[in-house]
Amino acid sequence: MTAQEFMMLAINISFGMLIVASVFGFIRLVKGPSMPDRVVALDMMTVLIVAFCGLFSIIAEDRAFLDVAIVLALVGFLATVALARFAERRTARRDHVELEDIEDIE
């Protein structure tokens, strides 16, 4: 087995693993019992898409896909931060309402 054949085998196995991981991530995204589970699944799928772009860049021998991967990574990071802030504010708002309800009872 030559180095080129080994590299193609490794890339094909990597594509297969990315597809399986994407299926599991999508299942968790749809089925996730809570919002943090869905946020983590979405972040994982973003990382998988970035890895897919990197592998495709190797096969296509085109560096433009690496630029796409970098942009997707930045957008994925910003989306994760925005969803985390949303979840934090939602929890803080719920705790504040519960605290007001307890004060009203007393």
PDB file of N, CA and C in Angstrom:
ATOM      1  N   MET A   1       0.852  -1.178   0.000  1.00  0.00           N
ATOM      2  CA  MET A   1       0.000   0.000   0.000  1.00  0.00           C
ATOM      3  C   MET A   1       0.895   1.237   0.000  1.00  0.00           C
ATOM      4  N   THR A   2       0.650   2.099  -0.950  1.00  0.00           N
ATOM      5  CA  THR A   2       1.450   3.315  -1.061  1.00  0.00           C
ATOM      6  C   THR A   2       0.919   4.373  -0.103  1.00  0.00           C
ATOM      7  N   ALA A   3       1.669   5.417   0.041  1.00  0.00           N
ATOM      8  CA  ALA A   3       1.260   6.507   0.927  1.00  0.00           C
ATOM      9  C   ALA A   3      -0.009   7.181   0.422  1.00  0.00           C
ATOM     10  N   GLN A   4      -0.139   7.323  -0.879  1.00  0.00           N
ATOM     11  CA  GLN A   4      -1.336   7.945  -1.465  1.00  0.00           C
ATOM     12  C   GLN A   4      -2.584   7.092  -1.207  1.00  0.00           C
ATOM     13  N   GLU A   5      -2.443   5.780  -1.373  1.00  0.00           N
ATOM     14  CA  GLU A   5      -3.573   4.877  -1.117  1.00  0.00           C
ATOM     15  C   GLU A   5      -3.963   4.893   0.354  1.00  0.00           C
ATOM     16  N   PHE A   6      -2.963   4.915   1.230  1.00  0.00           N
ATOM     17  CA  PHE A   6      -3.240   4.970   2.660  1.00  0.00           C
ATOM     18  C   PHE A   6      -3.954   6.265   3.031  1.00  0.00           C
ATOM     19  N   MET A   7      -3.523   7.376   2.436  1.00  0.00           N
ATOM     20  CA  MET A   7      -4.169   8.657   2.721  1.00  0.00           C
ATOM     21  C   MET A   7      -5.625   8.659   2.256  1.00  0.00           C
ATOM     22  N   MET A   8      -5.889   8.110   1.080  1.00  0.00           N
ATOM     23  CA  MET A   8      -7.265   8.046   0.583  1.00  0.00           C
ATOM     24  C   MET A   8      -8.125   7.144   1.461  1.00  0.00           C
ATOM     25  N   LEU A   9      -7.567   6.038   1.936  1.00  0.00           N
ATOM     26  CA  LEU A   9      -8.290   5.154   2.844  1.00  0.00           C
ATOM     27  C   LEU A   9      -8.619   5.878   4.150  1.00  0.00           C
ATOM     28  N   ALA A  10      -7.648   6.592   4.690  1.00  0.00           N
ATOM     29  CA  ALA A  10      -7.866   7.342   5.930  1.00  0.00           C
ATOM     30  C   ALA A  10      -8.922   8.431   5.741  1.00  0.00           C
ATOM     31  N   ILE A  11      -8.904   9.100   4.598  1.00  0.00           N
ATOM     32  CA  ILE A  11      -9.893  10.152   4.336  1.00  0.00           C
ATOM     33  C   ILE A  11     -11.282   9.540   4.184  1.00  0.00           C
ATOM     34  N   ASN A  12     -11.391   8.417   3.492  1.00  0.00           N
ATOM     35  CA  ASN A  12     -12.695   7.770   3.334  1.00  0.00           C
ATOM     36  C   ASN A  12     -13.246   7.281   4.665  1.00  0.00           C
ATOM     37  N   ILE A  13     -12.384   6.720   5.508  1.00  0.00           N
ATOM     38  CA  ILE A  13     -12.826   6.303   6.841  1.00  0.00           C
ATOM     39  C   ILE A  13     -13.253   7.524   7.655  1.00  0.00           C
ATOM     40  N   SER A  14     -12.527   8.616   7.532  1.00  0.00           N
ATOM     41  CA  SER A  14     -12.875   9.852   8.251  1.00  0.00           C
ATOM     42  C   SER A  14     -14.225  10.387   7.800  1.00  0.00           C
ATOM     43  N   PHE A  15     -14.498  10.348   6.488  1.00  0.00           N
ATOM     44  CA  PHE A  15     -15.808  10.778   6.006  1.00  0.00           C
ATOM     45  C   PHE A  15     -16.913   9.909   6.597  1.00  0.00           C
ATOM     46  N   GLY A  16     -16.691   8.615   6.655  1.00  0.00           N
ATOM     47  CA  GLY A  16     -17.686   7.715   7.240  1.00  0.00           C
ATOM     48  C   GLY A  16     -17.938   8.024   8.703  1.00  0.00           C
ATOM     49  N   MET A  17     -16.865   8.281   9.446  1.00  0.00           N
ATOM     50  CA  MET A  17     -17.015   8.611  10.860  1.00  0.00           C
ATOM     51  C   MET A  17     -17.741   9.942  11.041  1.00  0.00           C
ATOM     52  N   LEU A  18     -17.476  10.901  10.161  1.00  0.00           N
ATOM     53  CA  LEU A  18     -18.175  12.189  10.241  1.00  0.00           C
ATOM     54  C   LEU A  18     -19.663  12.025   9.968  1.00  0.00           C
ATOM     55  N   ILE A  19     -20.007  11.165   9.024  1.00  0.00           N
ATOM     56  CA  ILE A  19     -21.417  10.939   8.716  1.00  0.00           C
ATOM     57  C   ILE A  19     -22.131  10.295   9.908  1.00  0.00           C
ATOM     58  N   VAL A  20     -21.502   9.294  10.516  1.00  0.00           N
ATOM     59  CA  VAL A  20     -22.110   8.638  11.684  1.00  0.00           C
ATOM     60  C   VAL A  20     -22.261   9.633  12.832  1.00  0.00           C
ATOM     61  N   ALA A  21     -21.239  10.424  13.079  1.00  0.00           N
ATOM     62  CA  ALA A  21     -21.312  11.423  14.146  1.00  0.00           C
ATOM     63  C   ALA A  21     -22.381  12.470  13.851  1.00  0.00           C
ATOM     64  N   SER A  22     -22.551  12.844  12.587  1.00  0.00           N
ATOM     65  CA  SER A  22     -23.593  13.809  12.217  1.00  0.00           C
ATOM     66  C   SER A  22     -24.982  13.247  12.474  1.00  0.00           C
ATOM     67  N   VAL A  23     -25.175  11.975  12.193  1.00  0.00           N
ATOM     68  CA  VAL A  23     -26.476  11.340  12.459  1.00  0.00           C
ATOM     69  C   VAL A  23     -26.769  11.358  13.958  1.00  0.00           C
ATOM     70  N   PHE A  24     -25.777  10.977  14.768  1.00  0.00           N
ATOM     71  CA  PHE A  24     -25.975  11.012  16.222  1.00  0.00           C
ATOM     72  C   PHE A  24     -26.219  12.433  16.725  1.00  0.00           C
ATOM     73  N   GLY A  25     -25.501  13.400  16.188  1.00  0.00           N
ATOM     74  CA  GLY A  25     -25.711  14.793  16.583  1.00  0.00           C
ATOM     75  C   GLY A  25     -27.090  15.291  16.201  1.00  0.00           C
ATOM     76  N   PHE A  26     -27.559  14.900  15.008  1.00  0.00           N
ATOM     77  CA  PHE A  26     -28.898  15.322  14.584  1.00  0.00           C
ATOM     78  C   PHE A  26     -29.969  14.692  15.463  1.00  0.00           C
ATOM     79  N   ILE A  27     -29.773  13.437  15.843  1.00  0.00           N
ATOM     80  CA  ILE A  27     -30.733  12.786  16.741  1.00  0.00           C
ATOM     81  C   ILE A  27     -30.795  13.532  18.068  1.00  0.00           C
ATOM     82  N   ARG A  28     -29.633  13.896  18.608  1.00  0.00           N
ATOM     83  CA  ARG A  28     -29.614  14.631  19.877  1.00  0.00           C
ATOM     84  C   ARG A  28     -30.219  16.025  19.711  1.00  0.00           C
ATOM     85  N   LEU A  29     -30.028  16.628  18.551  1.00  0.00           N
ATOM     86  CA  LEU A  29     -30.589  17.951  18.292  1.00  0.00           C
ATOM     87  C   LEU A  29     -32.114  17.894  18.279  1.00  0.00           C
ATOM     88  N   VAL A  30     -32.673  16.874  17.670  1.00  0.00           N
ATOM     89  CA  VAL A  30     -34.123  16.741  17.577  1.00  0.00           C
ATOM     90  C   VAL A  30     -34.721  16.245  18.892  1.00  0.00           C
ATOM     91  N   LYS A  31     -34.060  15.281  19.515  1.00  0.00           N
ATOM     92  CA  LYS A  31     -34.621  14.580  20.660  1.00  0.00           C
ATOM     93  C   LYS A  31     -34.204  15.161  22.007  1.00  0.00           C
ATOM     94  N   GLY A  32     -33.204  16.030  22.008  1.00  0.00           N
ATOM     95  CA  GLY A  32     -32.635  16.539  23.253  1.00  0.00           C
ATOM     96  C   GLY A  32     -33.684  16.995  24.240  1.00  0.00           C
ATOM     97  N   PRO A  33     -33.615  16.513  25.475  1.00  0.00           N
ATOM     98  CA  PRO A  33     -34.669  16.870  26.430  1.00  0.00           C
ATOM     99  C   PRO A  33     -34.604  18.317  26.906  1.00  0.00           C
ATOM    100  N   SER A  34     -33.455  18.941  26.799  1.00  0.00           N
ATOM    101  CA  SER A  34     -33.359  20.317  27.291  1.00  0.00           C
ATOM    102  C   SER A  34     -32.635  21.187  26.268  1.00  0.00           C
ATOM    103  N   MET A  35     -32.735  22.477  26.478  1.00  0.00           N
ATOM    104  CA  MET A  35     -32.099  23.409  25.555  1.00  0.00           C
ATOM    105  C   MET A  35     -30.567  23.296  25.555  1.00  0.00           C
ATOM    106  N   PRO A  36     -29.915  23.141  26.721  1.00  0.00           N
ATOM    107  CA  PRO A  36     -28.450  22.979  26.677  1.00  0.00           C
ATOM    108  C   PRO A  36     -28.008  21.753  25.862  1.00  0.00           C
ATOM    109  N   ASP A  37     -28.788  20.670  25.906  1.00  0.00           N
ATOM    110  CA  ASP A  37     -28.464  19.502  25.088  1.00  0.00           C
ATOM    111  C   ASP A  37     -28.506  19.849  23.608  1.00  0.00           C
ATOM    112  N   ARG A  38     -29.494  20.612  23.229  1.00  0.00           N
ATOM    113  CA  ARG A  38     -29.620  21.001  21.823  1.00  0.00           C
ATOM    114  C   ARG A  38     -28.505  21.961  21.401  1.00  0.00           C
ATOM    115  N   VAL A  39     -28.111  22.849  22.297  1.00  0.00           N
ATOM    116  CA  VAL A  39     -27.020  23.784  21.985  1.00  0.00           C
ATOM    117  C   VAL A  39     -25.710  23.028  21.786  1.00  0.00           C
ATOM    118  N   VAL A  40     -25.439  22.063  22.653  1.00  0.00           N
ATOM    119  CA  VAL A  40     -24.217  21.265  22.517  1.00  0.00           C
ATOM    120  C   VAL A  40     -24.257  20.448  21.225  1.00  0.00           C
ATOM    121  N   ALA A  41     -25.418  19.886  20.887  1.00  0.00           N
ATOM    122  CA  ALA A  41     -25.549  19.122  19.642  1.00  0.00           C
ATOM    123  C   ALA A  41     -25.333  20.024  18.430  1.00  0.00           C
ATOM    124  N   LEU A  42     -25.866  21.220  18.463  1.00  0.00           N
ATOM    125  CA  LEU A  42     -25.676  22.160  17.362  1.00  0.00           C
ATOM    126  C   LEU A  42     -24.209  22.551  17.227  1.00  0.00           C
ATOM    127  N   ASP A  43     -23.548  22.759  18.352  1.00  0.00           N
ATOM    128  CA  ASP A  43     -22.126  23.090  18.326  1.00  0.00           C
ATOM    129  C   ASP A  43     -21.310  21.918  17.778  1.00  0.00           C
ATOM    130  N   MET A  44     -21.675  20.709  18.172  1.00  0.00           N
ATOM    131  CA  MET A  44     -20.978  19.531  17.666  1.00  0.00           C
ATOM    132  C   MET A  44     -21.167  19.387  16.154  1.00  0.00           C
ATOM    133  N   MET A  45     -22.370  19.652  15.678  1.00  0.00           N
ATOM    134  CA  MET A  45     -22.615  19.545  14.246  1.00  0.00           C
ATOM    135  C   MET A  45     -21.841  20.622  13.478  1.00  0.00           C
ATOM    136  N   THR A  46     -21.671  21.779  14.068  1.00  0.00           N
ATOM    137  CA  THR A  46     -20.861  22.818  13.435  1.00  0.00           C
ATOM    138  C   THR A  46     -19.407  22.369  13.307  1.00  0.00           C
ATOM    139  N   VAL A  47     -18.885  21.766  14.352  1.00  0.00           N
ATOM    140  CA  VAL A  47     -17.513  21.259  14.310  1.00  0.00           C
ATOM    141  C   VAL A  47     -17.385  20.154  13.260  1.00  0.00           C
ATOM    142  N   LEU A  48     -18.400  19.307  13.157  1.00  0.00           N
ATOM    143  CA  LEU A  48     -18.373  18.239  12.150  1.00  0.00           C
ATOM    144  C   LEU A  48     -18.393  18.812  10.735  1.00  0.00           C
ATOM    145  N   ILE A  49     -19.151  19.871  10.521  1.00  0.00           N
ATOM    146  CA  ILE A  49     -19.186  20.498   9.197  1.00  0.00           C
ATOM    147  C   ILE A  49     -17.835  21.129   8.869  1.00  0.00           C
ATOM    148  N   VAL A  50     -17.197  21.726   9.864  1.00  0.00           N
ATOM    149  CA  VAL A  50     -15.857  22.298   9.660  1.00  0.00           C
ATOM    150  C   VAL A  50     -14.869  21.189   9.299  1.00  0.00           C
ATOM    151  N   ALA A  51     -14.951  20.060   9.992  1.00  0.00           N
ATOM    152  CA  ALA A  51     -14.069  18.927   9.677  1.00  0.00           C
ATOM    153  C   ALA A  51     -14.351  18.396   8.275  1.00  0.00           C
ATOM    154  N   PHE A  52     -15.630  18.356   7.896  1.00  0.00           N
ATOM    155  CA  PHE A  52     -15.999  17.910   6.551  1.00  0.00           C
ATOM    156  C   PHE A  52     -15.380  18.838   5.504  1.00  0.00           C
ATOM    157  N   CYS A  53     -15.444  20.140   5.734  1.00  0.00           N
ATOM    158  CA  CYS A  53     -14.837  21.094   4.796  1.00  0.00           C
ATOM    159  C   CYS A  53     -13.329  20.897   4.710  1.00  0.00           C
ATOM    160  N   GLY A  54     -12.688  20.614   5.831  1.00  0.00           N
ATOM    161  CA  GLY A  54     -11.247  20.363   5.820  1.00  0.00           C
ATOM    162  C   GLY A  54     -10.892  19.116   5.032  1.00  0.00           C
ATOM    163  N   LEU A  55     -11.654  18.040   5.225  1.00  0.00           N
ATOM    164  CA  LEU A  55     -11.395  16.810   4.467  1.00  0.00           C
ATOM    165  C   LEU A  55     -11.666  17.007   2.980  1.00  0.00           C
ATOM    166  N   PHE A  56     -12.738  17.719   2.672  1.00  0.00           N
ATOM    167  CA  PHE A  56     -13.049  17.958   1.268  1.00  0.00           C
ATOM    168  C   PHE A  56     -11.989  18.832   0.619  1.00  0.00           C
ATOM    169  N   SER A  57     -11.411  19.743   1.391  1.00  0.00           N
ATOM    170  CA  SER A  57     -10.330  20.573   0.875  1.00  0.00           C
ATOM    171  C   SER A  57      -9.110  19.725   0.502  1.00  0.00           C
ATOM    172  N   ILE A  58      -8.856  18.688   1.293  1.00  0.00           N
ATOM    173  CA  ILE A  58      -7.737  17.791   0.980  1.00  0.00           C
ATOM    174  C   ILE A  58      -8.014  17.021  -0.305  1.00  0.00           C
ATOM    175  N   ILE A  59      -9.224  16.498  -0.438  1.00  0.00           N
ATOM    176  CA  ILE A  59      -9.556  15.709  -1.628  1.00  0.00           C
ATOM    177  C   ILE A  59      -9.581  16.588  -2.879  1.00  0.00           C
ATOM    178  N   ALA A  60     -10.212  17.756  -2.777  1.00  0.00           N
ATOM    179  CA  ALA A  60     -10.347  18.631  -3.943  1.00  0.00           C
ATOM    180  C   ALA A  60      -9.053  19.390  -4.250  1.00  0.00           C
ATOM    181  N   GLU A  61      -8.122  19.359  -3.318  1.00  0.00           N
ATOM    182  CA  GLU A  61      -6.869  20.104  -3.454  1.00  0.00           C
ATOM    183  C   GLU A  61      -7.127  21.589  -3.736  1.00  0.00           C
ATOM    184  N   ASP A  62      -8.080  22.135  -3.001  1.00  0.00           N
ATOM    185  CA  ASP A  62      -8.464  23.536  -3.155  1.00  0.00           C
ATOM    186  C   ASP A  62      -8.494  24.172  -1.766  1.00  0.00           C
ATOM    187  N   ARG A  63      -7.727  25.213  -1.594  1.00  0.00           N
ATOM    188  CA  ARG A  63      -7.641  25.854  -0.284  1.00  0.00           C
ATOM    189  C   ARG A  63      -8.836  26.746   0.029  1.00  0.00           C
ATOM    190  N   ALA A  64      -9.689  26.988  -0.929  1.00  0.00           N
ATOM    191  CA  ALA A  64     -10.853  27.847  -0.689  1.00  0.00           C
ATOM    192  C   ALA A  64     -11.783  27.231   0.355  1.00  0.00           C
ATOM    193  N   PHE A  65     -11.846  25.910   0.414  1.00  0.00           N
ATOM    194  CA  PHE A  65     -12.712  25.257   1.394  1.00  0.00           C
ATOM    195  C   PHE A  65     -12.199  25.450   2.812  1.00  0.00           C
ATOM    196  N   LEU A  66     -10.911  25.696   2.972  1.00  0.00           N
ATOM    197  CA  LEU A  66     -10.392  25.997   4.304  1.00  0.00           C
ATOM    198  C   LEU A  66     -10.885  27.359   4.779  1.00  0.00           C
ATOM    199  N   ASP A  67     -11.018  28.308   3.854  1.00  0.00           N
ATOM    200  CA  ASP A  67     -11.596  29.612   4.203  1.00  0.00           C
ATOM    201  C   ASP A  67     -13.046  29.446   4.648  1.00  0.00           C
ATOM    202  N   VAL A  68     -13.768  28.608   3.936  1.00  0.00           N
ATOM    203  CA  VAL A  68     -15.163  28.331   4.308  1.00  0.00           C
ATOM    204  C   VAL A  68     -15.207  27.705   5.702  1.00  0.00           C
ATOM    205  N   ALA A  69     -14.289  26.786   5.976  1.00  0.00           N
ATOM    206  CA  ALA A  69     -14.254  26.132   7.284  1.00  0.00           C
ATOM    207  C   ALA A  69     -13.967  27.138   8.395  1.00  0.00           C
ATOM    208  N   ILE A  70     -13.071  28.085   8.157  1.00  0.00           N
ATOM    209  CA  ILE A  70     -12.754  29.100   9.165  1.00  0.00           C
ATOM    210  C   ILE A  70     -13.968  29.984   9.435  1.00  0.00           C
ATOM    211  N   VAL A  71     -14.656  30.393   8.382  1.00  0.00           N
ATOM    212  CA  VAL A  71     -15.844  31.232   8.552  1.00  0.00           C
ATOM    213  C   VAL A  71     -16.931  30.470   9.308  1.00  0.00           C
ATOM    214  N   LEU A  72     -17.130  29.207   8.947  1.00  0.00           N
ATOM    215  CA  LEU A  72     -18.136  28.403   9.653  1.00  0.00           C
ATOM    216  C   LEU A  72     -17.773  28.228  11.124  1.00  0.00           C
ATOM    217  N   ALA A  73     -16.505  28.054  11.423  1.00  0.00           N
ATOM    218  CA  ALA A  73     -16.083  27.915  12.812  1.00  0.00           C
ATOM    219  C   ALA A  73     -16.370  29.194  13.599  1.00  0.00           C
ATOM    220  N   LEU A  74     -16.108  30.345  12.986  1.00  0.00           N
ATOM    221  CA  LEU A  74     -16.390  31.618  13.671  1.00  0.00           C
ATOM    222  C   LEU A  74     -17.885  31.822  13.880  1.00  0.00           C
ATOM    223  N   VAL A  75     -18.674  31.531  12.864  1.00  0.00           N
ATOM    224  CA  VAL A  75     -20.131  31.669  12.990  1.00  0.00           C
ATOM    225  C   VAL A  75     -20.675  30.697  14.035  1.00  0.00           C
ATOM    226  N   GLY A  76     -20.156  29.474  14.035  1.00  0.00           N
ATOM    227  CA  GLY A  76     -20.583  28.491  15.029  1.00  0.00           C
ATOM    228  C   GLY A  76     -20.244  28.927  16.439  1.00  0.00           C
ATOM    229  N   PHE A  77     -19.063  29.501  16.624  1.00  0.00           N
ATOM    230  CA  PHE A  77     -18.670  29.992  17.942  1.00  0.00           C
ATOM    231  C   PHE A  77     -19.593  31.118  18.401  1.00  0.00           C
ATOM    232  N   LEU A  78     -19.861  32.061  17.509  1.00  0.00           N
ATOM    233  CA  LEU A  78     -20.742  33.177  17.876  1.00  0.00           C
ATOM    234  C   LEU A  78     -22.160  32.694  18.168  1.00  0.00           C
ATOM    235  N   ALA A  79     -22.638  31.724  17.412  1.00  0.00           N
ATOM    236  CA  ALA A  79     -23.977  31.182  17.669  1.00  0.00           C
ATOM    237  C   ALA A  79     -24.035  30.488  19.027  1.00  0.00           C
ATOM    238  N   THR A  80     -22.995  29.764  19.368  1.00  0.00           N
ATOM    239  CA  THR A  80     -22.957  29.079  20.667  1.00  0.00           C
ATOM    240  C   THR A  80     -22.933  30.094  21.810  1.00  0.00           C
ATOM    241  N   VAL A  81     -22.156  31.136  21.663  1.00  0.00           N
ATOM    242  CA  VAL A  81     -22.099  32.165  22.699  1.00  0.00           C
ATOM    243  C   VAL A  81     -23.456  32.859  22.834  1.00  0.00           C
ATOM    244  N   ALA A  82     -24.100  33.168  21.708  1.00  0.00           N
ATOM    245  CA  ALA A  82     -25.403  33.830  21.750  1.00  0.00           C
ATOM    246  C   ALA A  82     -26.454  32.935  22.399  1.00  0.00           C
ATOM    247  N   LEU A  83     -26.465  31.660  22.062  1.00  0.00           N
ATOM    248  CA  LEU A  83     -27.445  30.752  22.675  1.00  0.00           C
ATOM    249  C   LEU A  83     -27.159  30.545  24.157  1.00  0.00           C
ATOM    250  N   ALA A  84     -25.900  30.536  24.553  1.00  0.00           N
ATOM    251  CA  ALA A  84     -25.566  30.402  25.968  1.00  0.00           C
ATOM    252  C   ALA A  84     -26.025  31.627  26.754  1.00  0.00           C
ATOM    253  N   ARG A  85     -25.840  32.801  26.175  1.00  0.00           N
ATOM    254  CA  ARG A  85     -26.316  34.025  26.851  1.00  0.00           C
ATOM    255  C   ARG A  85     -27.841  34.040  26.948  1.00  0.00           C
ATOM    256  N   PHE A  86     -28.506  33.585  25.889  1.00  0.00           N
ATOM    257  CA  PHE A  86     -29.964  33.507  25.913  1.00  0.00           C
ATOM    258  C   PHE A  86     -30.430  32.569  27.015  1.00  0.00           C
ATOM    259  N   ALA A  87     -29.803  31.411  27.121  1.00  0.00           N
ATOM    260  CA  ALA A  87     -30.183  30.440  28.150  1.00  0.00           C
ATOM    261  C   ALA A  87     -29.905  30.994  29.545  1.00  0.00           C
ATOM    262  N   GLU A  88     -28.803  31.718  29.709  1.00  0.00           N
ATOM    263  CA  GLU A  88     -28.473  32.298  31.006  1.00  0.00           C
ATOM    264  C   GLU A  88     -29.501  33.347  31.409  1.00  0.00           C
ATOM    265  N   ARG A  89     -29.877  34.209  30.467  1.00  0.00           N
ATOM    266  CA  ARG A  89     -30.869  35.238  30.786  1.00  0.00           C
ATOM    267  C   ARG A  89     -32.233  34.628  31.070  1.00  0.00           C
ATOM    268  N   ARG A  90     -32.564  33.576  30.338  1.00  0.00           N
ATOM    269  CA  ARG A  90     -33.844  32.913  30.555  1.00  0.00           C
ATOM    270  C   ARG A  90     -33.903  32.301  31.953  1.00  0.00           C
ATOM    271  N   THR A  91     -32.808  31.687  32.392  1.00  0.00           N
ATOM    272  CA  THR A  91     -32.741  31.099  33.726  1.00  0.00           C
ATOM    273  C   THR A  91     -32.777  32.187  34.791  1.00  0.00           C
ATOM    274  N   ALA A  92     -32.057  33.272  34.568  1.00  0.00           N
ATOM    275  CA  ALA A  92     -32.049  34.374  35.538  1.00  0.00           C
ATOM    276  C   ALA A  92     -33.430  35.003  35.647  1.00  0.00           C
ATOM    277  N   ARG A  93     -34.120  35.151  34.524  1.00  0.00           N
ATOM    278  CA  ARG A  93     -35.469  35.721  34.529  1.00  0.00           C
ATOM    279  C   ARG A  93     -36.428  34.809  35.289  1.00  0.00           C
ATOM    280  N   ARG A  94     -36.321  33.487  35.076  1.00  0.00           N
ATOM    281  CA  ARG A  94     -37.194  32.539  35.756  1.00  0.00           C
ATOM    282  C   ARG A  94     -36.930  32.562  37.258  1.00  0.00           C
ATOM    283  N   ASP A  95     -35.655  32.624  37.661  1.00  0.00           N
ATOM    284  CA  ASP A  95     -35.318  32.680  39.082  1.00  0.00           C
ATOM    285  C   ASP A  95     -35.836  33.962  39.713  1.00  0.00           C
ATOM    286  N   HIS A  96     -35.774  35.072  38.972  1.00  0.00           N
ATOM    287  CA  HIS A  96     -36.264  36.353  39.485  1.00  0.00           C
ATOM    288  C   HIS A  96     -37.774  36.298  39.699  1.00  0.00           C
ATOM    289  N   VAL A  97     -38.501  35.712  38.769  1.00  0.00           N
ATOM    290  CA  VAL A  97     -39.960  35.601  38.903  1.00  0.00           C
ATOM    291  C   VAL A  97     -40.314  34.711  40.085  1.00  0.00           C
ATOM    292  N   GLU A  98     -39.603  33.598  40.255  1.00  0.00           N
ATOM    293  CA  GLU A  98     -39.865  32.713  41.387  1.00  0.00           C
ATOM    294  C   GLU A  98     -39.577  33.415  42.700  1.00  0.00           C
ATOM    295  N   LEU A  99     -38.534  34.234  42.759  1.00  0.00           N
ATOM    296  CA  LEU A  99     -38.199  34.974  43.971  1.00  0.00           C
ATOM    297  C   LEU A  99     -39.296  35.987  44.288  1.00  0.00           C
ATOM    298  N   GLU A 100     -39.833  36.666  43.275  1.00  0.00           N
ATOM    299  CA  GLU A 100     -40.932  37.615  43.498  1.00  0.00           C
ATOM    300  C   GLU A 100     -42.171  36.897  44.002  1.00  0.00           C
ATOM    301  N   ASP A 101     -42.458  35.704  43.466  1.00  0.00           N
ATOM    302  CA  ASP A 101     -43.615  34.944  43.922  1.00  0.00           C
ATOM    303  C   ASP A 101     -43.477  34.549  45.391  1.00  0.00           C
ATOM    304  N   ILE A 102     -42.280  34.172  45.795  1.00  0.00           N
ATOM    305  CA  ILE A 102     -42.045  33.800  47.195  1.00  0.00           C
ATOM    306  C   ILE A 102     -42.197  35.018  48.100  1.00  0.00           C
ATOM    307  N   GLU A 103     -41.713  36.186  47.671  1.00  0.00           N
ATOM    308  CA  GLU A 103     -41.838  37.405  48.471  1.00  0.00           C
ATOM    309  C   GLU A 103     -43.293  37.828  48.587  1.00  0.00           C
ATOM    310  N   ASP A 104     -44.089  37.620  47.536  1.00  0.00           N
ATOM    311  CA  ASP A 104     -45.503  37.972  47.584  1.00  0.00           C
ATOM    312  C   ASP A 104     -46.262  37.096  48.567  1.00  0.00           C
ATOM    313  N   ILE A 105     -45.883  35.843  48.677  1.00  0.00           N
ATOM    314  CA  ILE A 105     -46.549  34.912  49.584  1.00  0.00           C
ATOM    315  C   ILE A 105     -46.269  35.305  51.028  1.00  0.00           C
ATOM    316  N   GLU A 106     -45.053  35.728  51.317  1.00  0.00           N
ATOM    317  CA  GLU A 106     -44.674  36.090  52.689  1.00  0.00           C
ATOM    318  C   GLU A 106     -45.231  37.424  53.000  1.00  0.00           C
TER     319      GLU A 106
END
